[in-house]
């Protein structure tokens, strides 16, 4: 019998968060976000002129959510 896949919600709960909004308010996410802006700059990748206000996940691996890798954040 195949194992049940780990869901996004399971990953957030594993990290101690109730939901994604709780994660986004956390010190963990704020530090990851600042790291991404520090390394990649603060110019929007879409329009190339306006200041970026958000960092987007292109995937939600546990390593990304923990900030162990930022390769999939833009």
N, C-alpha and C. Protein backbone atom coordinates (compact mmCIF):
# COMPACT_ATOMS: atom_id res chain seq x y z
N UNK A 1 0.84 -1.18 0.00
CA UNK A 1 0.00 0.00 0.00
C UNK A 1 0.89 1.24 0.00
N UNK A 2 0.58 2.21 -0.85
CA UNK A 2 1.37 3.44 -0.98
C UNK A 2 1.15 4.34 0.23
N UNK A 3 2.22 5.01 0.62
CA UNK A 3 2.12 5.96 1.72
C UNK A 3 1.38 7.21 1.28
N UNK A 4 0.66 7.80 2.22
CA UNK A 4 -0.05 9.06 1.95
C UNK A 4 0.99 10.16 1.75
N UNK A 5 0.89 10.95 0.67
CA UNK A 5 1.86 12.02 0.44
C UNK A 5 1.77 13.08 1.55
N UNK A 6 2.89 13.69 1.83
CA UNK A 6 2.93 14.76 2.83
C UNK A 6 2.37 16.02 2.19
N UNK A 7 1.36 16.59 2.81
CA UNK A 7 0.70 17.76 2.25
C UNK A 7 1.40 19.04 2.72
N UNK A 8 1.08 20.12 2.08
CA UNK A 8 1.59 21.44 2.46
C UNK A 8 1.21 21.74 3.90
N UNK A 9 -0.03 21.45 4.25
CA UNK A 9 -0.50 21.67 5.62
C UNK A 9 0.30 20.84 6.62
N UNK A 10 0.61 19.59 6.25
CA UNK A 10 1.44 18.74 7.12
C UNK A 10 2.81 19.38 7.36
N UNK A 11 3.38 19.94 6.29
CA UNK A 11 4.69 20.58 6.42
C UNK A 11 4.63 21.77 7.35
N UNK A 12 3.59 22.60 7.21
CA UNK A 12 3.43 23.76 8.09
C UNK A 12 3.26 23.32 9.54
N UNK A 13 2.44 22.29 9.76
CA UNK A 13 2.23 21.78 11.12
C UNK A 13 3.53 21.23 11.70
N UNK A 14 4.30 20.54 10.86
CA UNK A 14 5.60 20.00 11.29
C UNK A 14 6.51 21.13 11.79
N UNK A 15 6.41 22.28 11.16
CA UNK A 15 7.23 23.43 11.54
C UNK A 15 6.61 24.23 12.70
N UNK A 16 5.40 23.84 13.11
CA UNK A 16 4.77 24.49 14.25
C UNK A 16 3.82 25.63 13.90
N UNK A 17 3.37 25.68 12.65
CA UNK A 17 2.47 26.75 12.22
C UNK A 17 1.07 26.21 11.99
N UNK A 18 0.09 27.01 12.34
CA UNK A 18 -1.32 26.63 12.18
C UNK A 18 -1.73 26.65 10.70
N UNK A 19 -1.28 27.67 9.97
CA UNK A 19 -1.63 27.81 8.57
C UNK A 19 -0.58 28.70 7.89
N UNK A 20 -0.77 28.94 6.59
CA UNK A 20 0.21 29.72 5.82
C UNK A 20 0.30 31.16 6.30
N UNK A 21 -0.82 31.74 6.69
CA UNK A 21 -0.80 33.12 7.21
C UNK A 21 0.03 33.19 8.48
N UNK A 22 -0.07 32.19 9.32
CA UNK A 22 0.73 32.10 10.55
C UNK A 22 2.21 32.03 10.19
N UNK A 23 2.54 31.23 9.19
CA UNK A 23 3.92 31.11 8.71
C UNK A 23 4.44 32.45 8.20
N UNK A 24 3.63 33.15 7.40
CA UNK A 24 4.06 34.43 6.83
C UNK A 24 4.26 35.52 7.88
N UNK A 25 3.62 35.40 9.01
CA UNK A 25 3.80 36.37 10.10
C UNK A 25 5.00 36.03 10.98
N UNK A 26 5.59 34.88 10.77
CA UNK A 26 6.64 34.38 11.66
C UNK A 26 7.99 35.07 11.47
N UNK A 27 8.79 35.02 12.51
CA UNK A 27 10.17 35.52 12.43
C UNK A 27 10.96 34.71 11.40
N UNK A 28 10.66 33.41 11.32
CA UNK A 28 11.34 32.54 10.35
C UNK A 28 11.15 33.07 8.94
N UNK A 29 9.89 33.28 8.51
CA UNK A 29 9.63 33.76 7.16
C UNK A 29 10.22 35.14 6.94
N UNK A 30 10.09 36.02 7.92
CA UNK A 30 10.62 37.38 7.77
C UNK A 30 12.13 37.35 7.56
N UNK A 31 12.83 36.45 8.25
CA UNK A 31 14.28 36.36 8.07
C UNK A 31 14.63 35.78 6.70
N UNK A 32 13.87 34.79 6.24
CA UNK A 32 14.09 34.21 4.92
C UNK A 32 13.86 35.27 3.84
N UNK A 33 12.77 36.01 3.97
CA UNK A 33 12.42 37.06 3.01
C UNK A 33 13.53 38.11 2.92
N UNK A 34 14.04 38.55 4.06
CA UNK A 34 15.14 39.53 4.06
C UNK A 34 16.39 38.96 3.41
N UNK A 35 16.66 37.68 3.63
CA UNK A 35 17.82 37.03 3.01
C UNK A 35 17.69 37.02 1.49
N UNK A 36 16.49 36.71 1.00
CA UNK A 36 16.26 36.68 -0.45
C UNK A 36 16.46 38.08 -1.03
N UNK A 37 15.87 39.09 -0.41
CA UNK A 37 16.04 40.46 -0.89
C UNK A 37 17.50 40.88 -0.83
N UNK A 38 18.21 40.48 0.20
CA UNK A 38 19.62 40.82 0.33
C UNK A 38 20.48 40.21 -0.76
N UNK A 39 20.16 38.99 -1.14
CA UNK A 39 20.95 38.29 -2.16
C UNK A 39 20.51 38.60 -3.59
N UNK A 40 19.22 38.82 -3.79
CA UNK A 40 18.70 38.98 -5.14
C UNK A 40 18.27 40.40 -5.48
N UNK A 41 18.30 41.28 -4.50
CA UNK A 41 17.88 42.65 -4.72
C UNK A 41 16.39 42.83 -4.48
N UNK A 42 15.97 44.07 -4.60
CA UNK A 42 14.57 44.38 -4.28
C UNK A 42 13.81 44.94 -5.48
N UNK A 43 14.27 44.65 -6.68
CA UNK A 43 13.56 45.07 -7.88
C UNK A 43 12.65 43.93 -8.32
N UNK A 44 11.41 44.26 -8.65
CA UNK A 44 10.42 43.28 -9.08
C UNK A 44 10.93 42.53 -10.31
N UNK A 45 10.85 41.20 -10.27
CA UNK A 45 11.29 40.39 -11.41
C UNK A 45 10.34 40.48 -12.59
N UNK A 46 9.09 40.88 -12.35
CA UNK A 46 8.11 40.97 -13.44
C UNK A 46 8.29 42.25 -14.27
N UNK A 47 8.24 43.41 -13.58
CA UNK A 47 8.29 44.67 -14.33
C UNK A 47 9.71 45.25 -14.43
N UNK A 48 10.61 44.76 -13.63
CA UNK A 48 12.03 45.17 -13.63
C UNK A 48 12.28 46.62 -13.20
N UNK A 49 11.26 47.31 -12.72
CA UNK A 49 11.46 48.70 -12.29
C UNK A 49 10.95 48.99 -10.88
N UNK A 50 9.81 48.48 -10.53
CA UNK A 50 9.22 48.79 -9.22
C UNK A 50 9.91 48.00 -8.11
N UNK A 51 9.88 48.54 -6.90
CA UNK A 51 10.42 47.79 -5.77
C UNK A 51 9.59 46.52 -5.52
N UNK A 52 10.27 45.43 -5.28
CA UNK A 52 9.57 44.19 -4.95
C UNK A 52 9.02 44.30 -3.53
N UNK A 53 7.83 43.78 -3.33
CA UNK A 53 7.21 43.80 -2.00
C UNK A 53 7.03 42.42 -1.43
N UNK A 54 7.05 41.42 -2.30
CA UNK A 54 6.84 40.04 -1.85
C UNK A 54 7.92 39.13 -2.43
N UNK A 55 8.11 38.03 -1.76
CA UNK A 55 8.97 36.95 -2.25
C UNK A 55 8.05 35.78 -2.53
N UNK A 56 8.17 35.19 -3.72
CA UNK A 56 7.30 34.09 -4.11
C UNK A 56 8.03 32.76 -4.01
N UNK A 57 7.29 31.74 -3.55
CA UNK A 57 7.77 30.36 -3.59
C UNK A 57 7.41 29.78 -4.95
N UNK A 58 8.35 29.11 -5.60
CA UNK A 58 8.00 28.37 -6.81
C UNK A 58 7.72 26.92 -6.47
N UNK A 59 8.06 26.51 -5.25
CA UNK A 59 7.70 25.21 -4.72
C UNK A 59 7.81 25.27 -3.21
N UNK A 60 7.18 24.34 -2.54
CA UNK A 60 7.06 24.41 -1.09
C UNK A 60 7.68 23.19 -0.40
N UNK A 61 8.94 22.93 -0.68
CA UNK A 61 9.61 21.82 0.00
C UNK A 61 9.82 22.21 1.46
N UNK A 62 10.01 21.22 2.29
CA UNK A 62 10.27 21.49 3.70
C UNK A 62 11.56 22.30 3.86
N UNK A 63 12.57 21.99 3.06
CA UNK A 63 13.84 22.74 3.13
C UNK A 63 13.64 24.21 2.79
N UNK A 64 12.79 24.50 1.81
CA UNK A 64 12.51 25.88 1.44
C UNK A 64 11.73 26.58 2.55
N UNK A 65 10.70 25.92 3.07
CA UNK A 65 9.91 26.52 4.15
C UNK A 65 10.74 26.79 5.40
N UNK A 66 11.78 25.98 5.61
CA UNK A 66 12.67 26.17 6.76
C UNK A 66 13.77 27.19 6.50
N UNK A 67 13.94 27.57 5.24
CA UNK A 67 15.00 28.49 4.89
C UNK A 67 16.35 27.83 4.69
N UNK A 68 16.36 26.51 4.59
CA UNK A 68 17.61 25.79 4.37
C UNK A 68 18.10 25.96 2.94
N UNK A 69 17.18 26.20 2.03
CA UNK A 69 17.50 26.52 0.65
C UNK A 69 16.58 27.67 0.21
N UNK A 70 17.13 28.56 -0.59
CA UNK A 70 16.30 29.65 -1.12
C UNK A 70 16.30 29.64 -2.65
N UNK A 71 16.74 28.53 -3.22
CA UNK A 71 16.83 28.40 -4.68
C UNK A 71 15.49 28.55 -5.38
N UNK A 72 14.40 28.21 -4.71
CA UNK A 72 13.08 28.27 -5.34
C UNK A 72 12.28 29.48 -4.87
N UNK A 73 12.96 30.48 -4.35
CA UNK A 73 12.30 31.72 -3.93
C UNK A 73 12.72 32.83 -4.87
N UNK A 74 11.75 33.65 -5.26
CA UNK A 74 12.06 34.79 -6.17
C UNK A 74 11.20 35.97 -5.84
